Amino acid sequence: MHCGREVEQAERGRARRYCSRSCQGRAYRARRDRRPPVRRARPTRLTPVHIAATAIEVADRDGLDGLTMRRLARELGVATAALYRHFPDRDALLAAMTELALAETPAPPPAPHWRATLATEADEEWRLYRRHPWILTVLARTRPPLGPTLLDSLERAFAALDELDLTSAEMLTIYLAYSGMVQGLALMWSTDRGESFGAAAIATTDPVRAELAELLDPHARPVLHRMFAAEPHGPDLNFDELLTAGVGLLLDGVAMRHRRATE
């Protein structure tokens, strides 16, 4: 009852609350006017940086195979066509993602020695792959997407090698050797997700360890037998330590090959 009049109830059916339809309408309008207006939040302004940052989150979670323009648009709450106004294709998006991921870490302070510079650059590259495993497939190619941050990293590495008075071919060979080592270890790590790799991982599983022991005959394969069958758990390998040791060995070789310059 809204108008104050008494409502006559029928003998059957649902109980009436209003004396007429006009009374019911007035009651509805009164409730509507008392209700505060709904304020919808304005959508976040779509920018290339916001798109690339969201794409990095998707790739970190689902890998590059899980990153599509359609899925990214769904994450952002926009139409897929809106993304193409900022990035004409997926390669352009990957280039922006790579530059943004590389820019997360500030440039290291200048090192006093060529070897310290290369060791630092290798360590930073390794940490990058640990944070964003998807970026390995983007950078491990002969023509990676070049941006200011990646070029700054390359400049630091080649400037360090330039101290040894090497040819361009020699500098490129050394750079690709140590960077390829970092990428190879990152590939192992991303596949096994930090577990000990290869036979060392297999040797820790009892059923497979017994089968492996049969294959590693001490007479036919004595060294492998000693490493992976005779020892209780096989060699204990830490990827961080392995990277440091591997880069150190490679730089030892560079110093020996170019002894005059490194002395």
Protein backbone atom coordinates (compact mmCIF):
# COMPACT_ATOMS: atom_id res chain seq x y z
CA MET A 1 0.00 0.00 0.00
CA HIS A 2 1.51 3.34 -1.08
CA CYS A 3 -1.29 5.90 -1.24
CA GLY A 4 -2.74 5.17 2.21
CA ARG A 5 -5.94 3.62 0.97
CA GLU A 6 -7.08 0.27 2.22
CA VAL A 7 -6.32 -2.56 -0.23
CA GLU A 8 -9.20 -4.90 -0.93
CA GLN A 9 -8.02 -8.49 -1.07
CA ALA A 10 -9.57 -11.07 -3.40
CA GLU A 11 -10.76 -14.39 -2.03
CA ARG A 12 -8.22 -16.30 -4.15
CA GLY A 13 -4.80 -15.68 -5.56
CA ARG A 14 -1.77 -13.80 -4.35
CA ALA A 15 -2.21 -11.02 -1.79
CA ARG A 16 -2.30 -7.51 -3.31
CA ARG A 17 0.08 -4.82 -2.02
CA TYR A 18 -1.34 -1.88 -3.98
CA CYS A 19 -4.87 -0.59 -4.56
CA SER A 20 -4.25 0.06 -8.28
CA ARG A 21 -1.60 -0.07 -11.02
CA SER A 22 -1.04 3.69 -10.79
CA CYS A 23 -0.36 3.30 -7.06
CA GLN A 24 2.14 0.52 -7.83
CA GLY A 25 3.86 2.78 -10.39
CA ARG A 26 4.22 5.63 -7.93
CA ALA A 27 5.74 3.26 -5.37
CA TYR A 28 8.30 2.01 -7.93
CA ARG A 29 9.32 5.57 -8.90
CA ALA A 30 9.72 6.52 -5.25
CA ARG A 31 12.08 3.59 -4.62
CA ARG A 32 14.04 4.40 -7.77
CA ASP A 33 14.54 8.03 -6.78
CA ARG A 34 15.82 7.05 -3.34
CA ARG A 35 18.43 4.66 -4.85
CA PRO A 36 21.90 6.26 -5.35
CA PRO A 37 23.01 6.35 -8.99
CA VAL A 38 25.38 3.58 -10.09
CA ARG A 39 28.76 4.99 -11.07
CA ARG A 40 30.61 2.69 -13.42
CA ALA A 41 34.38 2.72 -13.18
CA ARG A 42 36.02 4.19 -16.23
CA PRO A 43 38.07 1.60 -18.12
CA THR A 44 41.85 1.86 -17.91
CA ARG A 45 43.24 3.82 -20.84
CA LEU A 46 44.78 1.41 -23.30
CA THR A 47 48.43 2.21 -23.96
CA PRO A 48 51.23 0.22 -25.63
CA VAL A 49 53.06 -0.11 -22.29
CA HIS A 50 49.94 -1.37 -20.50
CA ILE A 51 49.29 -3.87 -23.28
CA ALA A 52 52.90 -5.12 -23.26
CA ALA A 53 52.98 -5.41 -19.46
CA THR A 54 49.78 -7.47 -19.47
CA ALA A 55 51.16 -9.63 -22.28
CA ILE A 56 54.25 -10.33 -20.16
CA GLU A 57 52.01 -11.48 -17.29
CA VAL A 58 50.15 -13.84 -19.64
CA ALA A 59 53.39 -15.20 -21.16
CA ASP A 60 54.96 -15.71 -17.71
CA ARG A 61 51.88 -17.67 -16.67
CA ASP A 62 50.95 -19.56 -19.86
CA GLY A 63 54.05 -19.37 -22.08
CA LEU A 64 54.20 -17.91 -25.57
CA ASP A 65 51.92 -20.62 -26.91
CA GLY A 66 49.25 -19.38 -24.52
CA LEU A 67 49.65 -15.76 -25.61
CA THR A 68 47.27 -14.86 -28.42
CA MET A 69 45.81 -11.51 -29.34
CA ARG A 70 42.36 -12.81 -28.49
CA ARG A 71 43.38 -14.03 -25.04
CA LEU A 72 45.28 -10.81 -24.36
CA ALA A 73 42.23 -8.76 -25.33
CA ARG A 74 40.13 -10.82 -22.94
CA GLU A 75 42.62 -10.15 -20.13
CA LEU A 76 42.43 -6.43 -20.85
CA GLY A 77 38.66 -6.43 -21.25
CA VAL A 78 38.76 -4.91 -24.73
CA ALA A 79 37.96 -5.99 -28.27
CA THR A 80 40.77 -7.76 -30.13
CA ALA A 81 40.70 -5.07 -32.82
CA ALA A 82 41.70 -2.49 -30.20
CA LEU A 83 45.11 -4.18 -29.80
CA TYR A 84 45.91 -3.90 -33.48
CA ARG A 85 45.64 -0.13 -33.27
CA HIS A 86 48.80 -0.25 -31.13
CA PHE A 87 50.57 -3.35 -32.49
CA PRO A 88 50.12 -4.33 -36.14
CA ASP A 89 51.11 -7.96 -35.50
CA ARG A 90 52.35 -10.38 -32.86
CA ASP A 91 56.02 -9.75 -33.69
CA ALA A 92 55.62 -6.08 -32.87
CA LEU A 93 54.02 -7.04 -29.56
CA LEU A 94 56.89 -9.45 -28.76
CA ALA A 95 59.42 -6.71 -29.49
CA ALA A 96 57.68 -4.37 -27.03
CA MET A 97 57.45 -7.13 -24.42
CA THR A 98 61.15 -7.89 -24.78
CA GLU A 99 62.17 -4.27 -24.41
CA LEU A 100 59.96 -3.87 -21.34
CA ALA A 101 61.31 -7.06 -19.72
CA LEU A 102 64.92 -6.04 -20.38
CA ALA A 103 64.28 -2.61 -18.89
CA GLU A 104 63.22 -4.15 -15.55
CA THR A 105 66.87 -4.36 -14.49
CA PRO A 106 68.93 -1.15 -14.48
CA ALA A 107 72.27 -1.19 -16.24
CA PRO A 108 75.08 -2.43 -13.96
CA PRO A 109 77.79 0.04 -12.95
CA PRO A 110 80.91 -0.03 -15.14
CA ALA A 111 83.27 -2.86 -14.22
CA PRO A 112 87.03 -2.25 -13.99
CA HIS A 113 87.93 -5.29 -16.08
CA TRP A 114 86.71 -6.91 -19.30
CA ARG A 115 86.22 -10.24 -17.59
CA ALA A 116 84.08 -8.81 -14.78
CA THR A 117 81.89 -7.05 -17.35
CA LEU A 118 81.24 -10.22 -19.33
CA ALA A 119 80.58 -12.24 -16.19
CA THR A 120 78.05 -9.64 -15.03
CA GLU A 121 76.34 -9.53 -18.42
CA ALA A 122 76.09 -13.33 -18.48
CA ASP A 123 74.61 -13.34 -14.98
CA GLU A 124 72.03 -10.67 -15.90
CA GLU A 125 71.04 -12.61 -19.02
CA TRP A 126 70.63 -15.77 -16.92
CA ARG A 127 68.42 -13.97 -14.39
CA LEU A 128 66.32 -12.58 -17.22
CA TYR A 129 65.58 -16.09 -18.48
CA ARG A 130 64.75 -17.22 -14.96
CA ARG A 131 62.22 -14.38 -14.54
CA HIS A 132 60.72 -14.69 -18.02
CA PRO A 133 61.41 -18.13 -19.59
CA TRP A 134 59.41 -17.19 -22.71
CA ILE A 135 61.95 -14.54 -23.68
CA LEU A 136 64.55 -17.23 -24.43
CA THR A 137 62.80 -18.19 -27.67
CA VAL A 138 62.59 -14.52 -28.64
CA LEU A 139 66.28 -13.70 -28.11
CA ALA A 140 67.87 -17.02 -29.10
CA ARG A 141 67.77 -16.30 -32.81
CA THR A 142 70.10 -14.68 -35.33
CA ARG A 143 67.78 -11.68 -35.67
CA PRO A 144 66.24 -10.89 -32.28
CA PRO A 145 63.99 -7.83 -31.92
CA LEU A 146 66.43 -4.98 -31.40
CA GLY A 147 65.56 -2.15 -29.02
CA PRO A 148 67.52 0.45 -27.04
CA THR A 149 67.90 -1.69 -23.91
CA LEU A 150 69.14 -4.78 -25.77
CA LEU A 151 71.53 -2.66 -27.83
CA ASP A 152 72.90 -1.07 -24.64
CA SER A 153 73.59 -4.55 -23.26
CA LEU A 154 75.37 -5.56 -26.47
CA GLU A 155 77.42 -2.36 -26.41
CA ARG A 156 78.66 -3.11 -22.88
CA ALA A 157 79.68 -6.65 -23.85
CA PHE A 158 81.44 -5.71 -27.07
CA ALA A 159 83.13 -2.70 -25.46
CA ALA A 160 84.61 -5.09 -22.88
CA LEU A 161 85.87 -7.40 -25.62
CA ASP A 162 87.24 -4.44 -27.52
CA GLU A 163 89.74 -3.97 -24.68
CA LEU A 164 91.49 -7.13 -25.94
CA ASP A 165 92.17 -5.63 -29.38
CA LEU A 166 90.26 -8.40 -31.16
CA THR A 167 88.86 -8.49 -34.66
CA SER A 168 85.11 -8.10 -35.13
CA ALA A 169 84.83 -11.80 -35.97
CA GLU A 170 86.69 -12.81 -32.80
CA MET A 171 84.53 -10.57 -30.62
CA LEU A 172 81.35 -11.97 -32.16
CA THR A 173 82.59 -15.55 -31.68
CA ILE A 174 83.33 -15.01 -27.99
CA TYR A 175 80.04 -13.22 -27.38
CA LEU A 176 77.97 -15.92 -29.08
CA ALA A 177 79.90 -18.63 -27.20
CA TYR A 178 79.15 -17.33 -23.71
CA SER A 179 75.65 -16.11 -24.55
CA GLY A 180 74.90 -19.49 -26.15
CA MET A 181 76.07 -21.19 -22.95
CA VAL A 182 73.66 -19.07 -20.91
CA GLN A 183 70.80 -19.81 -23.29
CA GLY A 184 71.54 -23.54 -23.29
CA LEU A 185 71.46 -23.73 -19.51
CA ALA A 186 68.28 -21.64 -19.46
CA LEU A 187 66.69 -24.10 -21.88
CA MET A 188 67.57 -27.01 -19.57
CA TRP A 189 66.28 -25.13 -16.56
CA SER A 190 63.02 -24.09 -18.21
CA THR A 191 62.43 -27.68 -19.33
CA ASP A 192 63.14 -29.23 -15.95
CA ARG A 193 62.03 -26.21 -13.89
CA GLY A 194 65.12 -26.10 -11.74
CA GLU A 195 65.56 -29.84 -11.18
CA SER A 196 68.93 -31.48 -11.69
CA PHE A 197 69.22 -32.25 -15.35
CA GLY A 198 69.83 -35.29 -17.49
CA ALA A 199 71.15 -38.47 -15.95
CA ALA A 200 71.55 -36.76 -12.56
CA ALA A 201 67.79 -36.27 -12.39
CA ILE A 202 67.12 -39.79 -13.59
CA ALA A 203 69.49 -41.25 -11.02
CA THR A 204 67.41 -39.87 -8.15
CA THR A 205 64.36 -41.95 -9.17
CA ASP A 206 64.72 -45.46 -7.77
CA PRO A 207 62.83 -47.51 -10.45
CA VAL A 208 64.60 -45.75 -13.30
CA ARG A 209 67.88 -45.75 -11.42
CA ALA A 210 67.84 -49.56 -11.36
CA GLU A 211 67.24 -49.66 -15.12
CA LEU A 212 69.98 -47.07 -15.67
CA ALA A 213 72.42 -49.17 -13.62
CA GLU A 214 71.87 -52.08 -16.01
CA LEU A 215 72.69 -49.88 -19.01
CA LEU A 216 75.80 -48.39 -17.41
CA ASP A 217 77.96 -51.48 -17.42
CA PRO A 218 81.13 -50.71 -15.44
CA HIS A 219 83.29 -52.43 -18.08
CA ALA A 220 81.71 -50.81 -21.17
CA ARG A 221 81.03 -47.37 -19.66
CA PRO A 222 83.19 -47.10 -16.54
CA VAL A 223 83.11 -43.30 -16.17
CA LEU A 224 79.33 -43.00 -16.58
CA HIS A 225 78.90 -45.92 -14.19
CA ARG A 226 81.03 -44.18 -11.57
CA MET A 227 79.17 -40.88 -12.00
CA PHE A 228 75.55 -42.04 -12.18
CA ALA A 229 75.29 -45.62 -10.96
CA ALA A 230 77.94 -46.17 -8.30
CA GLU A 231 77.31 -42.90 -6.40
CA PRO A 232 74.14 -42.83 -4.23
CA HIS A 233 72.44 -39.85 -5.90
CA GLY A 234 74.65 -38.88 -8.79
CA PRO A 235 76.29 -35.46 -9.11
CA ASP A 236 74.44 -32.64 -7.39
CA LEU A 237 74.25 -29.77 -9.89
CA ASN A 238 73.01 -26.28 -9.12
CA PHE A 239 72.19 -24.24 -12.22
CA ASP A 240 73.36 -20.94 -10.71
CA GLU A 241 76.70 -22.47 -9.73
CA LEU A 242 76.94 -24.28 -13.06
CA LEU A 243 76.52 -21.00 -14.94
CA THR A 244 79.24 -19.28 -12.92
CA ALA A 245 81.65 -22.17 -13.39
CA GLY A 246 80.86 -22.54 -17.10
CA VAL A 247 81.32 -18.86 -17.91
CA GLY A 248 84.52 -18.86 -15.84
CA LEU A 249 85.94 -21.76 -17.86
CA LEU A 250 85.05 -20.06 -21.13
CA LEU A 251 86.65 -16.77 -20.10
CA ASP A 252 89.74 -18.69 -18.94
CA GLY A 253 90.00 -19.97 -22.49
CA VAL A 254 89.66 -16.44 -23.90
CA ALA A 255 92.42 -15.22 -21.59
CA MET A 256 94.72 -18.09 -22.63
CA ARG A 257 93.99 -17.64 -26.35
CA HIS A 258 94.66 -13.90 -26.20
CA ARG A 259 97.38 -13.94 -23.53
CA ARG A 260 99.24 -10.86 -24.74
CA ALA A 261 96.15 -8.65 -24.57
CA THR A 262 94.87 -10.06 -21.29
CA GLU A 263 98.20 -9.78 -19.50
